[in-house]
Amino acid sequence: MDSILKEADKIVNGPRQDNYGHPSINFKRIASIWSVILGCEVTERQVGWMMVGLKMARDIQVPTVDNLVDTAGYAETIHKLGDNSTRRIVKIK
């Protein structure tokens, strides 16, 4: 296996991009679904960070290289979404 970052780059910009298109399309869809479920607006950027949190939780239970690769991949995906840094995180009550 290449380095974790190279492996993540190959996945995000290869098969996943081919299967799901640009991450904004899929993450918008996920954000819409989660917004309904949670009863508050969820952004595409928040979807990415929530997926990082999922990988963290899994890695705490069973540490794997796959979790690290996916975490790096989600960081790359968040970056591909563009600069949403002015959007605030919605606090769920």
Protein backbone atom coordinates (compact mmCIF):
# COMPACT_ATOMS: atom_id res chain seq x y z
CA MET A 1 0.00 0.00 0.00
CA ASP A 2 1.10 3.56 -0.68
CA SER A 3 1.14 6.07 2.12
CA ILE A 4 -2.21 6.71 3.76
CA LEU A 5 -2.51 10.06 1.99
CA LYS A 6 -1.70 8.63 -1.44
CA GLU A 7 -4.15 5.78 -0.92
CA ALA A 8 -6.89 8.21 0.16
CA ASP A 9 -6.20 10.42 -2.86
CA LYS A 10 -6.49 7.44 -5.22
CA ILE A 11 -9.82 6.44 -3.68
CA VAL A 12 -11.38 9.91 -3.48
CA ASN A 13 -10.26 10.99 -6.94
CA GLY A 14 -10.68 7.58 -8.56
CA PRO A 15 -13.41 5.01 -7.92
CA ARG A 16 -15.47 7.10 -5.50
CA GLN A 17 -15.41 10.10 -7.84
CA ASP A 18 -16.38 7.82 -10.73
CA ASN A 19 -19.21 6.18 -8.74
CA TYR A 20 -20.67 9.18 -6.91
CA GLY A 21 -19.49 12.24 -8.85
CA HIS A 22 -18.24 15.36 -7.11
CA PRO A 23 -18.68 15.04 -3.34
CA SER A 24 -20.94 18.10 -3.21
CA ILE A 25 -23.67 16.12 -4.99
CA ASN A 26 -23.65 13.19 -2.57
CA PHE A 27 -22.97 15.30 0.52
CA LYS A 28 -25.86 17.67 -0.34
CA ARG A 29 -28.14 14.65 -0.57
CA ILE A 30 -26.87 13.31 2.77
CA ALA A 31 -27.19 16.77 4.37
CA SER A 32 -30.81 17.03 3.19
CA ILE A 33 -31.69 13.65 4.66
CA TRP A 34 -29.89 14.33 7.96
CA SER A 35 -31.54 17.78 8.18
CA VAL A 36 -34.97 16.16 8.11
CA ILE A 37 -33.98 13.49 10.62
CA LEU A 38 -32.33 15.95 13.04
CA GLY A 39 -34.81 18.80 12.55
CA CYS A 40 -32.09 21.39 11.81
CA GLU A 41 -29.97 22.41 8.86
CA VAL A 42 -26.94 20.24 8.21
CA THR A 43 -24.33 21.44 5.71
CA GLU A 44 -22.25 19.37 3.32
CA ARG A 45 -19.14 20.33 5.30
CA GLN A 46 -20.75 19.06 8.50
CA VAL A 47 -21.51 15.76 6.76
CA GLY A 48 -17.80 15.38 6.06
CA TRP A 49 -16.86 16.07 9.68
CA MET A 50 -19.54 13.70 10.95
CA MET A 51 -18.09 10.97 8.74
CA VAL A 52 -14.64 11.71 10.22
CA GLY A 53 -16.25 11.27 13.65
CA LEU A 54 -17.68 7.92 12.56
CA LYS A 55 -14.23 6.76 11.48
CA MET A 56 -12.76 7.94 14.79
CA ALA A 57 -15.34 5.95 16.73
CA ARG A 58 -14.66 2.84 14.66
CA ASP A 59 -10.90 3.22 15.04
CA ILE A 60 -11.21 3.51 18.82
CA GLN A 61 -13.01 0.15 18.80
CA VAL A 62 -10.85 -1.58 16.17
CA PRO A 63 -7.81 0.36 14.92
CA THR A 64 -7.24 -0.25 11.20
CA VAL A 65 -5.35 1.37 8.37
CA ASP A 66 -8.66 1.53 6.50
CA ASN A 67 -10.06 3.92 9.13
CA LEU A 68 -7.02 6.17 8.71
CA VAL A 69 -7.28 6.11 4.92
CA ASP A 70 -10.98 6.94 5.07
CA THR A 71 -10.35 9.77 7.56
CA ALA A 72 -7.77 11.27 5.19
CA GLY A 73 -10.23 10.76 2.34
CA TYR A 74 -12.97 12.63 4.17
CA ALA A 75 -10.53 15.49 4.85
CA GLU A 76 -9.81 15.63 1.10
CA THR A 77 -13.53 15.49 0.37
CA ILE A 78 -14.20 18.39 2.75
CA HIS A 79 -11.48 20.33 0.94
CA LYS A 80 -13.11 19.57 -2.43
CA LEU A 81 -16.38 21.06 -1.20
CA GLY A 82 -14.78 24.50 -1.28
CA ASP A 83 -14.48 27.17 1.33
CA ASN A 84 -17.52 27.05 3.58
CA SER A 85 -15.56 28.40 6.54
CA THR A 86 -17.99 31.28 7.02
CA ARG A 87 -20.85 28.89 7.81
CA ARG A 88 -21.38 28.26 11.47
CA ILE A 89 -21.93 24.84 12.96
CA VAL A 90 -25.56 24.34 13.99
CA LYS A 91 -25.86 23.25 17.60
CA ILE A 92 -28.40 20.49 18.08
CA LYS A 93 -30.46 20.88 21.23
